Amino acid sequence: MLDVMSQAKNAIEAYNEALKVTSTNIANMNVAGYKKVDVSFQSIFEKMINQGTAAEGNMGGTNPKQFGQGMSIANTSINFSNGEYTQATPLDLAIQGNGLFILSPDGGDSFLYTRMGNFQVDNAYNLTSNGMQVYGFNSSGNVVPISALPSGNKQDYKWTADGALQYTADGGTTYTNTGYSIALTYFANPSGLAQAQGTTFAETTSSGPAATAQLPGSQVGSLQTGYVEQSNVFYLGETITALELQRAMSGNLSMLKLASDLINSFIQKLG
């Protein structure tokens, strides 16, 4: 009975953690650039009583006698499938493919990565996302902060399909290049990235290092100018998952109660 209680307890804890993940996904379903987290389970500490026997002569063999010893969370990973694209302002960008925008929260000492292209021009005329500096290529081909822009008015900017940032003076219709183009990167294992502040991600040992920054195309994908990428959370799917987790928790709670009742009954008979 103690084994039954231990297995049920471990399962309840694992399903509870998975339910937290599902709840987080649903909470962020309308957050642009959010990538949902997937959870998988595994059986653990399998107990083998005997290995079984082979058939011999006219005698049949026996199968191994084995009992599972419970379960746990095997893995959590970020699902980088594309979300839907919705029209936004000319300064906004969405990536169709595997690319990520490059940001820095601390002046270039460290870098974070995002799919969120809802850009802003701050009071210092820097291009920002989630309040962090956006990086791009300057006219010399170097990766630098996109800064010292000619205006703080978001409506005065637009992107070209090849990633160049253009500007028009006084809300006119004639656009000229600012000298900057957006820089994109990608990871060999994006599911191994760690969630960071806002809708950004941080490099981990599992994700591997960021690839060399590049313009749109090839591995990083193409741009959808004037659009932002929405969350890739599918509400109905997450709701079904949550119901399945709750049902699994309920079943294990029943097993826990059953084992507890049997032990209490046994103790009462001893008394």
Protein backbone atom coordinates (compact mmCIF):
# COMPACT_ATOMS: atom_id res chain seq x y z
CA MET A 1 0.00 0.00 0.00
CA LEU A 2 2.88 2.34 0.69
CA ASP A 3 4.08 1.82 -2.89
CA VAL A 4 0.61 2.70 -4.19
CA MET A 5 0.55 5.87 -2.08
CA SER A 6 4.04 6.87 -3.21
CA GLN A 7 3.19 6.34 -6.88
CA ALA A 8 -0.05 8.29 -6.60
CA LYS A 9 1.67 11.15 -4.75
CA ASN A 10 4.42 11.44 -7.39
CA ALA A 11 1.87 11.36 -10.19
CA ILE A 12 -0.29 14.05 -8.58
CA GLU A 13 2.74 16.32 -8.19
CA ALA A 14 3.76 15.79 -11.84
CA TYR A 15 0.26 16.40 -13.19
CA ASN A 16 -0.07 19.49 -10.99
CA GLU A 17 3.13 20.97 -12.47
CA ALA A 18 1.90 20.19 -15.98
CA LEU A 19 -1.43 21.86 -15.16
CA LYS A 20 0.50 25.00 -14.14
CA VAL A 21 2.18 25.00 -17.56
CA THR A 22 -1.16 24.62 -19.34
CA SER A 23 -2.61 27.44 -17.23
CA THR A 24 0.32 29.68 -18.18
CA ASN A 25 -0.20 28.91 -21.87
CA ILE A 26 -3.88 29.84 -21.67
CA ALA A 27 -3.08 33.02 -19.71
CA ASN A 28 -0.74 34.13 -22.53
CA MET A 29 -2.93 33.11 -25.48
CA ASN A 30 -3.46 36.76 -26.49
CA VAL A 31 0.14 37.89 -25.88
CA ALA A 32 1.83 38.61 -29.21
CA GLY A 33 5.07 36.68 -29.70
CA TYR A 34 4.38 34.19 -26.88
CA LYS A 35 5.42 30.59 -27.55
CA LYS A 36 3.62 27.86 -25.68
CA VAL A 37 5.40 25.31 -23.51
CA ASP A 38 4.86 21.57 -24.09
CA VAL A 39 5.17 18.95 -21.33
CA SER A 40 5.89 15.23 -21.75
CA PHE A 41 5.84 12.43 -19.16
CA GLN A 42 7.83 9.28 -18.51
CA SER A 43 7.58 6.13 -16.41
CA ILE A 44 10.31 5.92 -13.75
CA PHE A 45 12.04 3.31 -11.59
CA GLU A 46 10.53 0.29 -13.27
CA LYS A 47 10.68 -2.79 -10.99
CA MET A 48 11.58 -6.16 -12.54
CA ILE A 49 10.59 -9.18 -10.38
CA ASN A 50 12.05 -11.75 -12.80
CA GLN A 51 13.18 -11.86 -16.42
CA GLY A 52 10.80 -14.62 -17.53
CA THR A 53 11.76 -17.90 -19.16
CA ALA A 54 12.10 -19.22 -22.71
CA ALA A 55 9.96 -22.01 -24.13
CA GLU A 56 11.60 -25.45 -23.90
CA GLY A 57 10.37 -28.65 -25.46
CA ASN A 58 6.66 -28.99 -24.89
CA MET A 59 6.71 -26.39 -22.12
CA GLY A 60 5.80 -22.81 -22.83
CA GLY A 61 7.83 -19.93 -21.51
CA THR A 62 6.79 -17.18 -19.12
CA ASN A 63 6.78 -13.47 -19.65
CA PRO A 64 8.83 -11.17 -17.45
CA LYS A 65 7.12 -10.16 -14.24
CA GLN A 66 7.44 -6.42 -13.92
CA PHE A 67 5.69 -3.50 -12.28
CA GLY A 68 5.93 0.19 -13.12
CA GLN A 69 7.02 2.31 -10.20
CA GLY A 70 5.31 5.58 -11.08
CA MET A 71 5.80 8.51 -13.42
CA SER A 72 7.27 11.99 -13.61
CA ILE A 73 7.69 14.88 -16.02
CA ALA A 74 10.18 13.83 -18.69
CA ASN A 75 10.69 17.12 -20.45
CA THR A 76 9.39 20.62 -21.02
CA SER A 77 10.14 22.41 -24.26
CA ILE A 78 9.15 25.63 -25.99
CA ASN A 79 6.97 25.06 -29.05
CA PHE A 80 8.30 27.34 -31.81
CA SER A 81 5.59 26.72 -34.36
CA ASN A 82 4.43 29.94 -36.00
CA GLY A 83 1.44 31.83 -34.65
CA GLU A 84 -1.05 33.74 -36.75
CA TYR A 85 -0.04 37.09 -38.26
CA THR A 86 -2.16 40.17 -37.65
CA GLN A 87 -1.79 43.55 -39.35
CA ALA A 88 -0.22 46.27 -37.21
CA THR A 89 1.78 49.46 -37.92
CA PRO A 90 4.43 49.94 -40.65
CA LEU A 91 7.16 49.84 -37.95
CA ASP A 92 6.13 46.36 -36.84
CA LEU A 93 7.64 43.13 -38.16
CA ALA A 94 6.81 39.44 -38.09
CA ILE A 95 9.11 36.58 -39.07
CA GLN A 96 7.88 33.75 -41.24
CA GLY A 97 10.39 31.03 -40.49
CA ASN A 98 12.87 30.17 -37.73
CA GLY A 99 14.44 33.57 -37.13
CA LEU A 100 14.56 35.65 -33.97
CA PHE A 101 15.10 39.35 -33.35
CA ILE A 102 18.19 40.27 -31.31
CA LEU A 103 17.75 42.43 -28.20
CA SER A 104 19.93 43.62 -25.34
CA PRO A 105 18.62 44.72 -21.93
CA ASP A 106 21.97 46.10 -20.75
CA GLY A 107 23.73 47.95 -23.54
CA GLY A 108 25.20 44.90 -25.25
CA ASP A 109 26.62 43.07 -22.21
CA SER A 110 24.10 40.28 -22.76
CA PHE A 111 21.56 39.39 -25.42
CA LEU A 112 18.03 38.05 -25.50
CA TYR A 113 15.95 36.90 -28.45
CA THR A 114 12.31 37.34 -29.39
CA ARG A 115 9.67 36.81 -32.04
CA MET A 116 7.86 39.94 -30.86
CA GLY A 117 8.24 42.62 -33.53
CA ASN A 118 5.98 45.27 -31.99
CA PHE A 119 8.73 47.90 -32.14
CA GLN A 120 8.83 51.34 -30.57
CA VAL A 121 11.09 54.39 -30.94
CA ASP A 122 11.92 55.68 -27.45
CA ASN A 123 12.67 59.24 -26.31
CA ALA A 124 16.37 58.75 -27.11
CA TYR A 125 15.43 57.69 -30.67
CA ASN A 126 16.44 54.05 -30.14
CA LEU A 127 14.47 51.19 -31.67
CA THR A 128 13.16 49.03 -28.82
CA SER A 129 11.10 45.93 -28.15
CA ASN A 130 9.81 45.12 -24.66
CA GLY A 131 11.80 48.19 -23.56
CA MET A 132 15.08 46.61 -24.79
CA GLN A 133 17.44 47.78 -27.49
CA VAL A 134 16.93 46.19 -30.92
CA TYR A 135 20.04 45.26 -32.92
CA GLY A 136 20.56 45.47 -36.65
CA PHE A 137 23.14 46.03 -39.37
CA ASN A 138 24.55 49.50 -40.09
CA SER A 139 25.65 50.67 -43.52
CA SER A 140 29.09 49.09 -42.94
CA GLY A 141 27.57 45.67 -42.31
CA ASN A 142 28.30 45.62 -38.57
CA VAL A 143 25.76 44.42 -35.98
CA VAL A 144 24.98 47.47 -33.83
CA PRO A 145 22.13 48.93 -31.77
CA ILE A 146 19.56 50.63 -33.98
CA SER A 147 19.88 54.08 -32.44
CA ALA A 148 20.11 57.82 -33.16
CA LEU A 149 17.11 57.59 -35.47
CA PRO A 150 15.91 60.85 -37.04
CA SER A 151 12.53 60.94 -35.31
CA GLY A 152 10.65 59.56 -32.35
CA ASN A 153 7.39 59.21 -34.26
CA LYS A 154 6.52 55.59 -34.94
CA GLN A 155 4.30 56.46 -37.87
CA ASP A 156 7.26 57.98 -39.76
CA TYR A 157 8.95 54.58 -40.28
CA LYS A 158 8.43 51.45 -42.32
CA TRP A 159 10.36 48.32 -43.24
CA THR A 160 11.13 46.91 -46.66
CA ALA A 161 10.78 43.22 -47.42
CA ASP A 162 14.57 42.78 -47.29
CA GLY A 163 14.73 44.25 -43.78
CA ALA A 164 15.82 47.86 -44.41
CA LEU A 165 14.38 50.50 -42.08
CA GLN A 166 13.11 53.57 -43.91
CA TYR A 167 12.05 57.02 -42.68
CA THR A 168 9.96 59.87 -44.01
CA ALA A 169 10.23 63.46 -42.78
CA ASP A 170 7.17 65.27 -41.47
CA GLY A 171 4.79 62.43 -42.26
CA GLY A 172 5.41 62.69 -46.01
CA THR A 173 5.18 59.97 -48.62
CA THR A 174 8.82 59.89 -49.70
CA TYR A 175 10.90 57.41 -47.68
CA THR A 176 14.68 57.23 -47.39
CA ASN A 177 16.85 54.59 -45.76
CA THR A 178 17.97 55.19 -42.17
CA GLY A 179 21.16 53.23 -42.75
CA TYR A 180 19.92 50.31 -40.65
CA SER A 181 18.60 46.85 -41.51
CA ILE A 182 17.14 44.36 -39.04
CA ALA A 183 19.45 41.57 -37.82
CA LEU A 184 18.06 38.07 -37.31
CA THR A 185 19.50 34.91 -35.82
CA TYR A 186 18.42 31.34 -35.14
CA PHE A 187 19.30 28.38 -32.89
CA ALA A 188 20.02 24.76 -33.70
CA ASN A 189 17.59 23.73 -30.94
CA PRO A 190 15.17 26.61 -30.29
CA SER A 191 13.04 24.39 -28.03
CA GLY A 192 15.97 24.42 -25.60
CA LEU A 193 15.85 28.20 -25.08
CA ALA A 194 14.87 29.53 -21.66
CA GLN A 195 11.96 31.92 -21.23
CA ALA A 196 13.18 35.35 -20.08
CA GLN A 197 11.61 38.73 -19.39
CA GLY A 198 8.59 39.65 -21.45
CA THR A 199 8.34 37.44 -24.53
CA THR A 200 12.10 37.02 -24.86
CA PHE A 201 14.28 33.94 -24.69
CA ALA A 202 17.79 33.33 -23.35
CA GLU A 203 20.46 31.01 -24.69
CA THR A 204 21.10 27.75 -22.79
CA THR A 205 23.47 24.82 -23.13
CA SER A 206 20.61 22.85 -24.66
CA SER A 207 19.78 25.49 -27.29
CA GLY A 208 23.39 25.97 -28.30
CA PRO A 209 24.81 29.38 -29.25
CA ALA A 210 23.01 31.83 -31.49
CA ALA A 211 23.97 31.62 -35.16
CA THR A 212 25.82 34.53 -36.72
CA ALA A 213 23.44 37.44 -37.26
CA GLN A 214 22.15 37.74 -40.80
CA LEU A 215 19.64 39.53 -42.99
CA PRO A 216 16.28 37.90 -43.77
CA GLY A 217 16.45 34.80 -45.92
CA SER A 218 17.64 31.17 -45.84
CA GLN A 219 17.61 29.70 -42.30
CA VAL A 220 16.05 32.71 -40.54
CA GLY A 221 13.08 33.02 -42.89
CA SER A 222 11.37 35.99 -44.49
CA LEU A 223 9.68 39.10 -43.08
CA GLN A 224 6.03 40.07 -42.93
CA THR A 225 6.23 43.87 -42.88
CA GLY A 226 3.53 45.74 -40.99
CA TYR A 227 2.44 42.60 -39.12
CA VAL A 228 3.02 41.04 -35.70
CA GLU A 229 2.99 37.35 -34.83
CA GLN A 230 0.40 36.30 -32.29
CA SER A 231 0.70 33.58 -29.67
CA ASN A 232 0.73 30.00 -30.99
CA VAL A 233 -1.49 28.81 -28.11
CA PHE A 234 -4.53 26.85 -29.36
CA TYR A 235 -7.16 27.47 -26.69
CA LEU A 236 -9.31 24.40 -27.36
CA GLY A 237 -6.28 22.10 -27.36
CA GLU A 238 -4.99 23.56 -24.08
CA THR A 239 -8.45 23.23 -22.50
CA ILE A 240 -8.66 19.55 -23.48
CA THR A 241 -5.17 18.99 -22.06
CA ALA A 242 -6.16 20.67 -18.81
CA LEU A 243 -9.26 18.44 -18.50
CA GLU A 244 -7.15 15.32 -19.12
CA LEU A 245 -4.66 16.38 -16.45
CA GLN A 246 -7.44 17.05 -13.97
CA ARG A 247 -8.93 13.61 -14.69
CA ALA A 248 -5.53 11.97 -14.16
CA MET A 249 -5.08 13.85 -10.88
CA SER A 250 -8.56 12.79 -9.76
CA GLY A 251 -7.79 9.13 -10.52
CA ASN A 252 -4.58 9.23 -8.52
CA LEU A 253 -6.33 10.99 -5.63
CA SER A 254 -8.81 8.10 -5.60
CA MET A 255 -5.95 5.59 -5.44
CA LEU A 256 -4.34 7.57 -2.64
CA LYS A 257 -7.59 7.59 -0.65
CA LEU A 258 -8.13 3.87 -1.28
CA ALA A 259 -4.66 2.99 0.00
CA SER A 260 -5.10 5.28 3.00
CA ASP A 261 -8.47 3.72 3.87
CA LEU A 262 -7.04 0.20 3.65
CA ILE A 263 -4.14 1.09 5.93
CA ASN A 264 -6.47 2.74 8.45
CA SER A 265 -8.76 -0.30 8.38
CA PHE A 266 -5.80 -2.61 9.00
CA ILE A 267 -4.56 -0.50 11.92
CA GLN A 268 -8.01 -0.46 13.49
CA LYS A 269 -8.22 -4.24 13.30
CA LEU A 270 -4.80 -4.53 14.99
CA GLY A 271 -6.01 -2.22 17.77
